[in-house]
Amino acid sequence: MKTMNKLRKFNSKYMFLILVFIICFIGLFVYLKGDMYKCEILSEDEFATLKTWTVEKDNSKVILPYGFKYTGEPIVLTKKIDKENVFDDSQYLMVMSRYFDYTVYVDDTKLFDLTTPQNGFSKTMGTQLRFVRIGKNLNEKTIKLEIRPLLGDHIQYSVAPMMIGTRSDIVWHILKSEQSEVITTVLIIIFGFVLLLLAIIIRCSEYEDDESGKMFYLGMISVICGIYLACQFKVSHIIAPNGYLPYYFEFTSLMLISVAVSLFIQTNVDGVIKKLYTSMSCIFVLNVLVQTFLNFVLKIDYKMMLFVTHILIGLFGILILSTMIIFHKKKSIQYMLISIMFPIVGSIIDIVRLYRISDDKTIYFFSMGLYIFVLMQVTRTIRQYLAKSRSHLKAEVYEHLAFTDGLTELNNRLSFENDINECIGNNRPACISIDLNNLKRANDTMGHSAGDVLIRGIATVLREAVGNEGKIYRIGGDEFVVLIHDITDYGIEKVLKRIEKCRVKYNEENNVNLDFAKGVSLYTEGDTTFENLVARADAEMYRDKRLTKKGRRDNYE
């Protein structure tokens, strides 16, 4: 039974975090084991984009991006360099391959060969961006690119436009062409981390509610989507330390997006629909684990298993559409589902384009849908967070008024009754009961303002003496109680001495006669509730009061 209770407490958020941790750990392993490819960003210069090439097999002209199916033999593209493509500086050819190896020749002289290691993680390293040094004096020379597809005829291959120039010129052009997308993606990732931080703060606060869960999953969606988008940029493949890392994170982040979105919707619905999204989350998690296992152990490429993820995304879109119909009267859920439908519909359009059209920008509509989703959710989250903050602020004010004594700013009797049984079960709780002497005489002879001075005076003395060791309450006109959760006999003696020392100091500084009776009780094994301690402390206090009065009367006589 205890084991089942522990399992129930094992929230889905923690399961999701563990999964993300596993993915990141594998990514770190790939980073450390993979081949290192780096380049530097230098100054801006000129470059040329080589778009028009000739297919050597039939001398047909093609314009890049060029899409083709694998027919069993390599595809060879040739390009004769004219004066428009020749510069004085050293020349580099930028080639971007996607699921294929290639060899670069200049006038039949091999200059560069990209071959995926046979003992690697899979047959392909996904998208590879390389700078091939082809030297100077290229006029009238012919560049030949021999392309060797790696995944058979199951997928559509595409050759991106190539660039020629200095390395720094090409890098600078890529940065300029992708700067808006990169900035937007970075903002999405930052927004996600901010939401995660806010969710942690709310969860650690005393006002934890469902909003922290929604904010947590929304933050995870933003971070993972940002990582997925970042893997699509040429800039990422320039700065990535090894070729396989972007390929790995591209596919795992795509699968994790569905997990995060499913859990996000789950926090907004209930009943049978909630169970459906829980099941869908489990299916998505299983998809991540199975594909990762097949890729690393059986060398089956993520690209070859992509259709499974696409099918699950399609089914997920149908489930979301069904949820919209079921909850069409709930505006808050409708708003959330409508915003999610933008990236879902965008991804479906991109999936269709991926299978039917050769296009260099395969995630264009998904990106647009994701930006709309994030913008809508940013607006909604900020609005809800501000409303929740105002509500919490009002709650704090009302709670302060309800549980605080207006005259002394100490905790009042309601707060005392609320806290009294929380102390039991601590190691050694204690209670100090205090009653102000001569309050009635002060009120009768000098007015209630004089009595208020004495009451505020004893509050000041107790605050200074007790500090953070205990909690002080005013439970009646002249009655005060101090609850200390855990203290020893020696410790309680020190507290009592400080109280007396502070009383004497207060009287000297304020020229008043502040006096009070007190009683102390420490927890014993026979106490079943804290009321036992309070009763004993009260008895000790009244005994002290009687002895004090008797002593004064004897002295007077």
Protein backbone atom coordinates (compact mmCIF):
# COMPACT_ATOMS: atom_id res chain seq x y z
CA MET A 1 0.00 0.00 0.00
CA LYS A 2 2.82 2.39 0.86
CA THR A 3 4.48 1.58 -2.46
CA MET A 4 1.28 2.44 -4.35
CA ASN A 5 0.99 5.75 -2.50
CA LYS A 6 4.56 6.60 -3.43
CA LEU A 7 3.83 5.78 -7.07
CA ARG A 8 0.81 8.07 -7.05
CA LYS A 9 2.95 10.88 -5.70
CA PHE A 10 5.44 10.32 -8.51
CA ASN A 11 4.01 13.11 -10.63
CA SER A 12 4.08 13.00 -14.44
CA LYS A 13 6.22 16.15 -14.35
CA TYR A 14 9.06 14.19 -12.76
CA MET A 15 8.67 11.35 -15.26
CA PHE A 16 8.92 13.88 -18.08
CA LEU A 17 12.00 15.48 -16.51
CA ILE A 18 13.66 12.07 -16.20
CA LEU A 19 12.96 11.40 -19.88
CA VAL A 20 14.44 14.78 -20.85
CA PHE A 21 17.46 14.03 -18.64
CA ILE A 22 17.99 10.69 -20.43
CA ILE A 23 17.78 12.41 -23.82
CA CYS A 24 20.29 15.08 -22.77
CA PHE A 25 22.61 12.44 -21.30
CA ILE A 26 22.61 10.54 -24.60
CA GLY A 27 23.22 13.84 -26.39
CA LEU A 28 26.25 14.47 -24.17
CA PHE A 29 27.51 10.98 -25.00
CA VAL A 30 27.12 11.73 -28.72
CA TYR A 31 28.92 15.04 -28.24
CA LEU A 32 31.91 13.42 -26.54
CA LYS A 33 32.18 10.52 -28.98
CA GLY A 34 31.38 12.25 -32.28
CA ASP A 35 33.83 13.69 -34.79
CA MET A 36 34.63 17.37 -34.23
CA TYR A 37 34.00 19.88 -37.00
CA LYS A 38 34.35 23.59 -36.28
CA CYS A 39 34.78 26.79 -38.25
CA GLU A 40 35.44 30.43 -37.42
CA ILE A 41 33.42 33.53 -38.31
CA LEU A 42 35.66 36.17 -39.88
CA SER A 43 35.00 39.32 -41.93
CA GLU A 44 32.36 40.00 -44.61
CA ASP A 45 33.33 39.83 -48.31
CA GLU A 46 31.82 38.60 -51.56
CA PHE A 47 30.41 35.19 -52.38
CA ALA A 48 28.46 33.48 -55.13
CA THR A 49 25.53 31.08 -54.93
CA LEU A 50 25.86 28.19 -57.35
CA LYS A 51 22.29 27.25 -58.22
CA THR A 52 22.39 25.99 -61.81
CA TRP A 53 24.10 22.61 -62.26
CA THR A 54 24.21 19.88 -64.88
CA VAL A 55 23.28 16.23 -64.27
CA GLU A 56 26.20 14.32 -65.79
CA LYS A 57 24.10 11.28 -66.71
CA ASP A 58 21.85 13.04 -69.25
CA ASN A 59 23.32 16.59 -69.39
CA SER A 60 20.04 18.03 -68.11
CA LYS A 61 20.06 21.36 -66.29
CA VAL A 62 18.77 21.52 -62.70
CA ILE A 63 18.30 24.46 -60.37
CA LEU A 64 19.04 23.91 -56.71
CA PRO A 65 17.39 22.93 -54.44
CA TYR A 66 17.18 19.79 -56.52
CA GLY A 67 15.04 16.88 -55.36
CA PHE A 68 15.51 13.33 -56.56
CA LYS A 69 14.88 9.67 -55.74
CA TYR A 70 17.72 7.19 -55.38
CA THR A 71 17.90 4.84 -58.36
CA GLY A 72 20.73 2.56 -57.21
CA GLU A 73 23.72 4.55 -58.46
CA PRO A 74 25.33 7.84 -57.39
CA ILE A 75 24.04 11.16 -58.76
CA VAL A 76 26.75 13.36 -60.31
CA LEU A 77 26.28 17.12 -60.68
CA THR A 78 28.77 19.33 -62.54
CA LYS A 79 29.30 23.07 -62.66
CA LYS A 80 31.71 24.97 -64.93
CA ILE A 81 33.04 28.07 -63.16
CA ASP A 82 32.96 31.32 -65.19
CA LYS A 83 34.42 34.73 -64.42
CA GLU A 84 31.37 35.78 -62.39
CA ASN A 85 32.17 33.12 -59.80
CA VAL A 86 35.92 33.80 -59.49
CA PHE A 87 37.48 35.97 -56.75
CA ASP A 88 41.06 36.81 -55.80
CA ASP A 89 40.83 35.36 -52.29
CA SER A 90 41.13 31.70 -51.42
CA GLN A 91 37.99 29.84 -52.43
CA TYR A 92 35.75 27.54 -50.41
CA LEU A 93 32.76 25.57 -51.58
CA MET A 94 29.95 25.25 -49.05
CA VAL A 95 28.02 21.97 -49.49
CA MET A 96 25.02 21.05 -47.39
CA SER A 97 24.07 17.38 -47.54
CA ARG A 98 21.03 15.73 -46.02
CA TYR A 99 21.10 11.93 -45.67
CA PHE A 100 23.79 11.41 -48.28
CA ASP A 101 27.58 11.24 -48.58
CA TYR A 102 29.46 12.99 -51.38
CA THR A 103 32.82 13.56 -53.04
CA VAL A 104 34.00 16.87 -54.52
CA TYR A 105 36.22 16.97 -57.63
CA VAL A 106 37.80 19.89 -59.50
CA ASP A 107 38.70 18.84 -63.06
CA ASP A 108 38.58 15.16 -61.96
CA THR A 109 40.93 15.82 -59.02
CA LYS A 110 39.40 14.63 -55.76
CA LEU A 111 39.46 17.39 -53.15
CA PHE A 112 37.09 16.22 -50.44
CA ASP A 113 35.23 13.06 -49.50
CA LEU A 114 32.46 12.91 -46.90
CA THR A 115 31.84 9.33 -45.83
CA THR A 116 29.76 8.41 -42.81
CA PRO A 117 31.67 5.98 -40.53
CA GLN A 118 30.34 2.43 -40.72
CA ASN A 119 30.78 2.00 -36.97
CA GLY A 120 28.86 5.17 -36.16
CA PHE A 121 25.48 5.57 -34.49
CA SER A 122 23.56 5.05 -37.75
CA LYS A 123 23.93 5.08 -41.52
CA THR A 124 23.63 8.85 -41.73
CA MET A 125 24.49 11.88 -39.63
CA GLY A 126 21.50 13.81 -40.98
CA THR A 127 22.28 17.30 -42.26
CA GLN A 128 25.98 17.98 -42.83
CA LEU A 129 27.39 21.41 -43.73
CA ARG A 130 30.99 21.41 -44.90
CA PHE A 131 33.45 23.98 -46.26
CA VAL A 132 35.58 22.41 -49.00
CA ARG A 133 38.77 24.27 -49.91
CA ILE A 134 38.96 24.37 -53.69
CA GLY A 135 41.75 26.97 -54.07
CA LYS A 136 42.24 29.96 -56.43
CA ASN A 137 42.23 30.38 -60.21
CA LEU A 138 39.01 28.47 -60.77
CA ASN A 139 38.07 30.19 -64.01
CA GLU A 140 37.03 27.68 -66.68
CA LYS A 141 37.44 24.80 -64.26
CA THR A 142 34.68 22.27 -63.56
CA ILE A 143 33.45 21.33 -60.10
CA LYS A 144 31.92 17.88 -59.87
CA LEU A 145 29.79 16.65 -56.96
CA GLU A 146 29.21 12.90 -56.67
CA ILE A 147 26.23 12.22 -54.38
CA ARG A 148 25.74 8.85 -52.68
CA PRO A 149 22.34 8.53 -50.88
CA LEU A 150 22.49 6.53 -47.65
CA LEU A 151 18.89 5.51 -46.98
CA GLY A 152 17.88 3.84 -50.24
CA ASP A 153 14.87 4.82 -52.31
CA HIS A 154 12.49 5.20 -49.36
CA ILE A 155 12.89 8.94 -49.02
CA GLN A 156 13.08 12.06 -51.18
CA TYR A 157 16.57 13.57 -51.28
CA SER A 158 17.32 17.24 -51.82
CA VAL A 159 20.53 19.10 -52.69
CA ALA A 160 20.62 22.63 -51.25
CA PRO A 161 22.12 25.58 -53.19
CA MET A 162 25.91 25.67 -52.86
CA MET A 163 28.04 28.77 -52.24
CA ILE A 164 31.56 29.67 -53.30
CA GLY A 165 33.81 32.33 -51.72
CA THR A 166 35.83 32.77 -48.55
CA ARG A 167 34.70 30.84 -45.50
CA SER A 168 33.95 34.03 -43.57
CA ASP A 169 31.89 35.45 -46.45
CA ILE A 170 29.70 32.37 -46.61
CA VAL A 171 29.23 32.18 -42.85
CA TRP A 172 28.36 35.87 -42.69
CA HIS A 173 25.76 35.46 -45.44
CA ILE A 174 24.17 32.51 -43.62
CA LEU A 175 24.00 34.53 -40.40
CA LYS A 176 22.35 37.45 -42.19
CA SER A 177 19.85 35.26 -44.03
CA GLU A 178 18.77 33.44 -40.83
CA GLN A 179 19.09 36.23 -38.27
CA SER A 180 15.34 36.84 -37.80
CA GLU A 181 14.57 33.14 -37.38
CA VAL A 182 17.53 32.65 -35.02
CA ILE A 183 16.55 35.63 -32.86
CA THR A 184 12.94 34.45 -32.67
CA THR A 185 14.03 30.94 -31.73
CA VAL A 186 16.37 32.25 -29.02
CA LEU A 187 13.49 34.35 -27.61
CA ILE A 188 11.25 31.27 -27.57
CA ILE A 189 13.88 29.32 -25.63
CA ILE A 190 14.43 32.20 -23.18
CA PHE A 191 10.67 32.51 -22.70
CA GLY A 192 10.51 28.79 -21.97
CA PHE A 193 13.22 28.97 -19.31
CA VAL A 194 11.52 32.00 -17.71
CA LEU A 195 8.27 30.02 -17.49
CA LEU A 196 10.11 27.05 -15.98
CA LEU A 197 11.67 29.34 -13.37
CA LEU A 198 8.29 30.90 -12.54
CA ALA A 199 6.72 27.45 -12.26
CA ILE A 200 9.43 26.35 -9.80
CA ILE A 201 8.98 29.55 -7.77
CA ILE A 202 5.20 29.08 -7.62
CA ARG A 203 5.58 25.40 -6.75
CA CYS A 204 7.96 26.22 -3.90
CA SER A 205 5.67 28.95 -2.57
CA GLU A 206 2.69 28.48 -0.29
CA TYR A 207 0.34 29.37 -3.12
CA GLU A 208 0.99 26.31 -5.29
CA ASP A 209 -1.91 25.57 -7.65
CA ASP A 210 -2.67 24.15 -11.09
CA GLU A 211 -1.12 27.19 -12.77
CA SER A 212 2.38 26.00 -11.84
CA GLY A 213 1.80 22.74 -13.74
CA LYS A 214 0.46 24.55 -16.81
CA MET A 215 3.33 27.01 -16.72
CA PHE A 216 5.85 24.17 -16.33
CA TYR A 217 4.64 22.28 -19.40
CA LEU A 218 4.29 25.46 -21.46
CA GLY A 219 7.90 26.27 -20.59
CA MET A 220 8.99 22.77 -21.65
CA ILE A 221 7.07 23.12 -24.94
CA SER A 222 8.83 26.42 -25.69
CA VAL A 223 12.32 25.11 -24.84
CA ILE A 224 11.93 21.86 -26.80
CA CYS A 225 10.34 23.60 -29.81
CA GLY A 226 13.17 26.14 -29.75
CA ILE A 227 15.73 23.33 -29.80
CA TYR A 228 13.90 21.64 -32.68
CA LEU A 229 13.79 24.86 -34.70
CA ALA A 230 17.45 25.58 -33.94
CA CYS A 231 18.44 22.19 -35.41
CA GLN A 232 16.94 23.28 -38.76
CA PHE A 233 19.20 26.30 -39.20
CA LYS A 234 22.44 26.26 -41.17
CA VAL A 235 24.00 28.26 -38.33
CA SER A 236 23.45 25.34 -35.95
CA HIS A 237 25.31 23.00 -38.29
CA ILE A 238 28.19 25.48 -38.52
CA ILE A 239 28.70 25.76 -34.76
CA ALA A 240 27.71 22.18 -33.83
CA PRO A 241 30.78 20.26 -32.61
CA ASN A 242 29.84 17.11 -34.50
CA GLY A 243 27.45 16.21 -37.27
CA TYR A 244 25.38 13.64 -35.45
CA LEU A 245 24.38 15.90 -32.54
CA PRO A 246 21.92 18.15 -34.47
CA TYR A 247 20.50 15.05 -36.17
CA TYR A 248 19.89 13.38 -32.83
CA PHE A 249 18.30 16.42 -31.18
CA GLU A 250 16.22 17.23 -34.26
CA PHE A 251 14.31 13.95 -34.07
CA THR A 252 14.20 13.48 -30.30
CA SER A 253 12.98 17.06 -29.75
CA LEU A 254 10.30 16.53 -32.41
CA MET A 255 9.05 13.48 -30.50
CA LEU A 256 9.32 15.24 -27.13
CA ILE A 257 7.19 18.17 -28.35
CA SER A 258 4.21 15.84 -28.59
CA VAL A 259 4.83 14.58 -25.04
CA ALA A 260 4.97 18.10 -23.61
CA VAL A 261 1.89 19.30 -25.53
CA SER A 262 -0.11 16.26 -24.44
CA LEU A 263 0.80 16.81 -20.77
CA PHE A 264 0.02 20.53 -21.13
CA ILE A 265 -3.49 19.80 -22.42
CA GLN A 266 -3.92 17.16 -19.70
CA THR A 267 -3.63 19.86 -17.00
CA ASN A 268 -6.55 21.76 -18.58
CA VAL A 269 -9.09 18.92 -18.98
CA ASP A 270 -10.62 16.28 -16.74
CA GLY A 271 -12.54 13.03 -16.77
CA VAL A 272 -12.18 10.54 -19.61
CA ILE A 273 -10.48 13.11 -21.85
CA LYS A 274 -7.74 13.56 -19.25
CA LYS A 275 -7.15 9.80 -19.26
CA LEU A 276 -6.94 9.81 -23.07
CA TYR A 277 -4.23 12.47 -23.00
CA THR A 278 -2.40 10.53 -20.27
CA SER A 279 -2.46 7.46 -22.51
CA MET A 280 -1.33 9.56 -25.48
CA SER A 281 1.57 10.89 -23.42
CA CYS A 282 2.63 7.34 -22.57
CA ILE A 283 2.48 6.37 -26.26
CA PHE A 284 4.66 9.35 -27.21
CA VAL A 285 7.16 8.50 -24.46
CA LEU A 286 7.26 4.89 -25.68
CA ASN A 287 7.86 6.18 -29.22
CA VAL A 288 10.87 8.21 -28.00
CA LEU A 289 12.39 5.30 -26.11
CA VAL A 290 11.81 2.70 -28.84
CA GLN A 291 13.19 4.88 -31.65
CA THR A 292 16.22 5.84 -29.58
CA PHE A 293 16.88 2.15 -28.82
CA LEU A 294 16.47 1.13 -32.47
CA ASN A 295 18.77 3.93 -33.62
CA PHE A 296 21.63 3.28 -31.20
CA VAL A 297 21.42 -0.50 -30.90
CA LEU A 298 20.05 -1.76 -34.23
CA LYS A 299 21.38 1.17 -36.35
CA ILE A 300 17.94 2.00 -37.77
CA ASP A 301 17.99 5.69 -38.70
CA TYR A 302 15.55 8.17 -37.19
CA LYS A 303 14.64 9.30 -40.70
CA MET A 304 13.44 5.80 -41.59
CA MET A 305 11.17 5.77 -38.52
CA LEU A 306 9.87 9.30 -39.00
CA PHE A 307 6.59 8.10 -40.51
CA VAL A 308 5.64 6.60 -37.11
CA THR A 309 6.01 10.01 -35.45
CA HIS A 310 4.01 11.58 -38.29
CA ILE A 311 1.17 9.09 -37.82
CA LEU A 312 1.09 9.78 -34.08
CA ILE A 313 1.04 13.54 -34.73
CA GLY A 314 -1.92 13.05 -37.09
CA LEU A 315 -3.81 11.02 -34.48
CA PHE A 316 -2.93 13.64 -31.89
CA GLY A 317 -4.40 16.35 -34.12
CA ILE A 318 -7.63 14.35 -34.39
CA LEU A 319 -7.76 14.00 -30.59
CA ILE A 320 -7.27 17.75 -30.14
CA LEU A 321 -10.00 18.48 -32.70
CA SER A 322 -12.34 16.11 -30.84
CA THR A 323 -11.52 17.84 -27.57
CA MET A 324 -12.38 21.21 -29.12
CA ILE A 325 -15.79 19.87 -30.10
CA ILE A 326 -16.44 18.36 -26.65
CA PHE A 327 -15.35 21.48 -24.73
CA HIS A 328 -16.72 24.04 -27.21
CA LYS A 329 -18.51 25.91 -24.41
CA LYS A 330 -15.43 26.36 -22.21
CA LYS A 331 -13.66 29.48 -23.45
CA SER A 332 -10.40 28.91 -21.55
CA ILE A 333 -9.95 25.41 -22.98
CA GLN A 334 -11.01 26.56 -26.44
CA TYR A 335 -8.38 29.32 -26.40
CA MET A 336 -5.68 26.84 -25.40
CA LEU A 337 -6.70 24.25 -28.02
CA ILE A 338 -7.04 26.83 -30.81
CA SER A 339 -3.51 28.06 -30.12
CA ILE A 340 -2.18 24.49 -30.20
CA MET A 341 -3.97 23.76 -33.48
CA PHE A 342 -1.77 26.29 -35.32
CA PRO A 343 1.48 24.26 -34.97
CA ILE A 344 -0.45 20.98 -35.34
CA VAL A 345 -2.04 22.06 -38.64
CA GLY A 346 1.27 23.59 -39.73
CA SER A 347 3.10 20.34 -39.01
CA ILE A 348 0.50 18.33 -40.97
CA ILE A 349 0.92 20.67 -43.97
CA ASP A 350 4.70 20.32 -43.74
CA ILE A 351 4.40 16.53 -43.49
CA VAL A 352 2.36 16.47 -46.72
CA ARG A 353 4.91 18.76 -48.40
CA LEU A 354 7.73 16.55 -47.17
CA TYR A 355 6.27 13.43 -48.79
CA ARG A 356 5.00 15.04 -52.01
CA ILE A 357 7.24 18.05 -52.75
CA SER A 358 10.98 18.60 -52.75
CA ASP A 359 11.43 21.75 -50.65
CA ASP A 360 14.39 23.12 -48.74
CA LYS A 361 12.17 24.69 -46.06
CA THR A 362 10.37 21.60 -44.76
CA ILE A 363 9.14 23.14 -41.47
CA TYR A 364 7.93 26.54 -42.72
CA PHE A 365 4.27 26.17 -41.71
CA PHE A 366 5.11 24.44 -38.43
CA SER A 367 7.42 27.34 -37.56
CA MET A 368 4.71 29.89 -38.32
CA GLY A 369 2.17 27.91 -36.28
CA LEU A 370 4.63 27.62 -33.40
CA TYR A 371 5.29 31.37 -33.36
CA ILE A 372 1.52 32.06 -33.24
CA PHE A 373 1.08 29.49 -30.47
CA VAL A 374 3.88 30.97 -28.35
CA LEU A 375 2.59 34.52 -28.90
CA MET A 376 -0.94 33.55 -27.84
CA GLN A 377 0.30 31.63 -24.82
CA VAL A 378 2.69 34.43 -23.80
CA THR A 379 -0.24 36.85 -23.74
CA ARG A 380 -2.44 34.40 -21.85
CA THR A 381 0.24 33.37 -19.35
CA ILE A 382 1.26 36.94 -18.50
CA ARG A 383 -2.38 37.94 -18.08
CA GLN A 384 -3.15 34.96 -15.85
CA TYR A 385 0.03 35.38 -13.83
CA LEU A 386 -0.70 39.05 -13.16
CA ALA A 387 -4.28 38.19 -12.16
CA LYS A 388 -3.01 35.40 -9.90
CA SER A 389 -0.43 37.73 -8.34
CA ARG A 390 -3.11 40.30 -7.56
CA SER A 391 -5.30 37.57 -6.08
CA HIS A 392 -2.44 36.28 -3.92
CA LEU A 393 -1.68 39.82 -2.76
CA LYS A 394 -5.28 40.31 -1.69
CA ALA A 395 -5.24 36.91 0.01
CA GLU A 396 -2.11 37.90 1.94
CA VAL A 397 -3.77 41.13 3.09
CA TYR A 398 -6.95 39.34 4.18
CA GLU A 399 -4.97 36.59 5.90
CA HIS A 400 -2.89 39.17 7.72
CA LEU A 401 -6.04 40.92 8.92
CA ALA A 402 -7.67 37.63 9.94
CA PHE A 403 -4.73 36.17 11.88
CA THR A 404 -3.08 39.31 13.30
CA ASP A 405 -3.89 41.26 16.44
CA GLY A 406 -4.51 44.89 15.47
CA LEU A 407 -2.99 46.49 18.57
CA THR A 408 0.26 44.53 18.88
CA GLU A 409 0.72 43.10 15.33
CA LEU A 410 1.22 39.71 17.02
CA ASN A 411 -0.65 36.57 15.98
CA ASN A 412 -4.19 36.56 17.38
CA ARG A 413 -6.35 33.88 19.01
CA LEU A 414 -7.64 32.56 15.67
CA SER A 415 -4.05 32.01 14.55
CA PHE A 416 -3.31 30.32 17.89
CA GLU A 417 -6.22 27.89 17.51
CA ASN A 418 -5.13 27.20 13.95
CA ASP A 419 -1.52 26.40 14.95
CA ILE A 420 -1.96 24.79 18.35
CA ASN A 421 -1.88 21.14 17.26
CA GLU A 422 0.88 21.52 14.68
CA CYS A 423 3.53 21.56 17.40
CA ILE A 424 2.72 18.08 18.66
CA GLY A 425 4.93 15.54 16.95
CA ASN A 426 8.01 17.77 17.05
CA ASN A 427 10.95 16.58 19.10
CA ARG A 428 10.35 18.67 22.21
CA PRO A 429 7.76 21.49 21.94
CA ALA A 430 7.19 23.96 24.77
CA CYS A 431 4.59 26.55 25.80
CA ILE A 432 5.03 29.78 27.78
CA SER A 433 1.83 31.31 29.13
CA ILE A 434 2.04 35.02 30.09
CA ASP A 435 -0.49 37.30 31.79
CA LEU A 436 0.01 41.07 32.15
CA ASN A 437 -0.31 42.34 35.75
CA ASN A 438 -2.16 45.51 36.75
CA LEU A 439 -3.83 46.08 33.36
CA LYS A 440 -7.25 46.77 34.96
CA ARG A 441 -5.73 49.22 37.43
CA ALA A 442 -3.97 51.10 34.60
CA ASN A 443 -7.19 51.27 32.58
CA ASP A 444 -9.23 52.48 35.61
CA THR A 445 -6.76 55.08 36.88
CA MET A 446 -5.05 56.39 33.74
CA GLY A 447 -7.40 55.40 30.90
CA HIS A 448 -7.39 52.72 28.24
CA SER A 449 -4.57 54.42 26.34
CA ALA A 450 -2.25 53.66 29.27
CA GLY A 451 -3.37 50.03 29.19
CA ASP A 452 -2.65 49.92 25.45
CA VAL A 453 0.87 51.16 26.15
CA LEU A 454 1.45 48.26 28.55
CA ILE A 455 0.04 45.74 26.05
CA ARG A 456 2.26 47.04 23.25
CA GLY A 457 5.17 47.08 25.69
CA ILE A 458 4.87 43.40 26.55
CA ALA A 459 4.60 42.62 22.82
CA THR A 460 7.87 44.48 22.24
CA VAL A 461 9.57 42.61 25.11
CA LEU A 462 8.43 39.19 23.82
CA ARG A 463 9.50 39.92 20.24
CA GLU A 464 12.97 40.94 21.34
CA ALA A 465 13.38 38.02 23.73
CA VAL A 466 11.90 35.17 21.65
CA GLY A 467 13.05 36.27 18.18
CA ASN A 468 12.72 33.47 15.63
CA GLU A 469 12.79 30.64 18.19
CA GLY A 470 9.02 30.60 18.66
CA LYS A 471 5.68 32.10 17.68
CA ILE A 472 3.96 34.72 19.87
CA TYR A 473 0.18 35.10 20.23
CA ARG A 474 -2.12 37.54 22.00
CA ILE A 475 -5.10 35.34 22.88
CA GLY A 476 -6.97 37.77 25.17
CA GLY A 477 -6.90 41.27 26.58
CA ASP A 478 -3.87 40.70 28.82
CA GLU A 479 -3.09 37.06 27.92
CA PHE A 480 -0.17 36.00 25.72
CA VAL A 481 1.21 32.62 24.67
CA VAL A 482 4.57 31.65 23.19
CA LEU A 483 4.78 28.34 21.29
CA ILE A 484 8.24 26.90 20.66
CA HIS A 485 8.37 23.85 18.38
CA ASP A 486 11.58 22.23 19.58
CA ILE A 487 13.65 23.22 22.63
CA THR A 488 15.62 21.71 25.53
CA ASP A 489 15.35 22.46 29.27
CA TYR A 490 18.47 24.59 29.04
CA GLY A 491 17.09 26.40 26.01
CA ILE A 492 13.81 27.31 27.71
CA GLU A 493 15.72 28.67 30.69
CA LYS A 494 17.71 30.92 28.37
CA VAL A 495 14.47 32.19 26.79
CA LEU A 496 12.96 32.97 30.22
CA LYS A 497 16.11 34.84 31.28
CA ARG A 498 16.01 36.89 28.08
CA ILE A 499 12.36 37.75 28.68
CA GLU A 500 13.15 39.04 32.19
CA LYS A 501 16.21 40.92 30.95
CA CYS A 502 14.21 42.58 28.16
CA ARG A 503 11.41 43.49 30.63
CA VAL A 504 13.86 45.26 32.95
CA LYS A 505 15.50 47.04 30.02
CA TYR A 506 12.13 48.18 28.66
CA ASN A 507 11.06 49.57 32.06
CA GLU A 508 14.30 51.51 32.39
CA GLU A 509 14.10 52.99 28.90
CA ASN A 510 10.39 53.86 29.03
CA ASN A 511 9.93 54.73 32.75
CA VAL A 512 6.97 52.33 33.20
CA ASN A 513 6.21 49.46 35.54
CA LEU A 514 5.69 46.58 33.11
CA ASP A 515 5.08 43.38 35.08
CA PHE A 516 3.62 40.00 34.18
CA ALA A 517 3.19 36.47 35.48
CA LYS A 518 4.39 33.51 33.46
CA GLY A 519 4.20 29.74 33.40
CA VAL A 520 6.18 27.20 31.41
CA SER A 521 5.39 23.68 30.26
CA LEU A 522 7.53 21.27 28.20
CA TYR A 523 6.21 18.35 26.22
CA THR A 524 6.21 14.92 27.90
CA GLU A 525 5.38 11.47 26.55
CA GLY A 526 1.98 11.61 28.25
CA ASP A 527 0.84 14.62 26.21
CA THR A 528 -1.46 13.63 23.37
CA THR A 529 -2.31 17.16 22.24
CA PHE A 530 -0.76 20.57 22.66
CA GLU A 531 -3.71 21.61 24.84
CA ASN A 532 -2.12 19.58 27.65
CA LEU A 533 0.99 21.78 27.51
CA VAL A 534 -1.10 24.96 27.39
CA ALA A 535 -3.19 23.85 30.39
CA ARG A 536 -0.08 23.12 32.48
CA ALA A 537 1.52 26.39 31.44
CA ASP A 538 -1.66 28.28 32.42
CA ALA A 539 -1.70 26.55 35.81
CA GLU A 540 1.94 27.54 36.39
CA MET A 541 1.18 31.11 35.31
CA TYR A 542 -1.78 31.49 37.71
CA ARG A 543 0.34 30.02 40.50
CA ASP A 544 3.02 32.61 39.74
CA LYS A 545 0.39 35.38 39.71
CA ARG A 546 -1.00 34.33 43.12
CA LEU A 547 2.46 34.21 44.66
CA THR A 548 3.31 37.60 43.21
CA LYS A 549 0.15 39.21 44.61
CA LYS A 550 0.64 37.56 48.03
CA GLY A 551 4.23 38.80 48.13
CA ARG A 552 3.11 42.35 47.42
CA ARG A 553 0.35 42.19 50.06
CA ASP A 554 2.80 40.88 52.70
CA ASN A 555 5.22 43.67 51.88
CA TYR A 556 2.44 46.27 52.09
CA GLU A 557 1.35 45.04 55.52
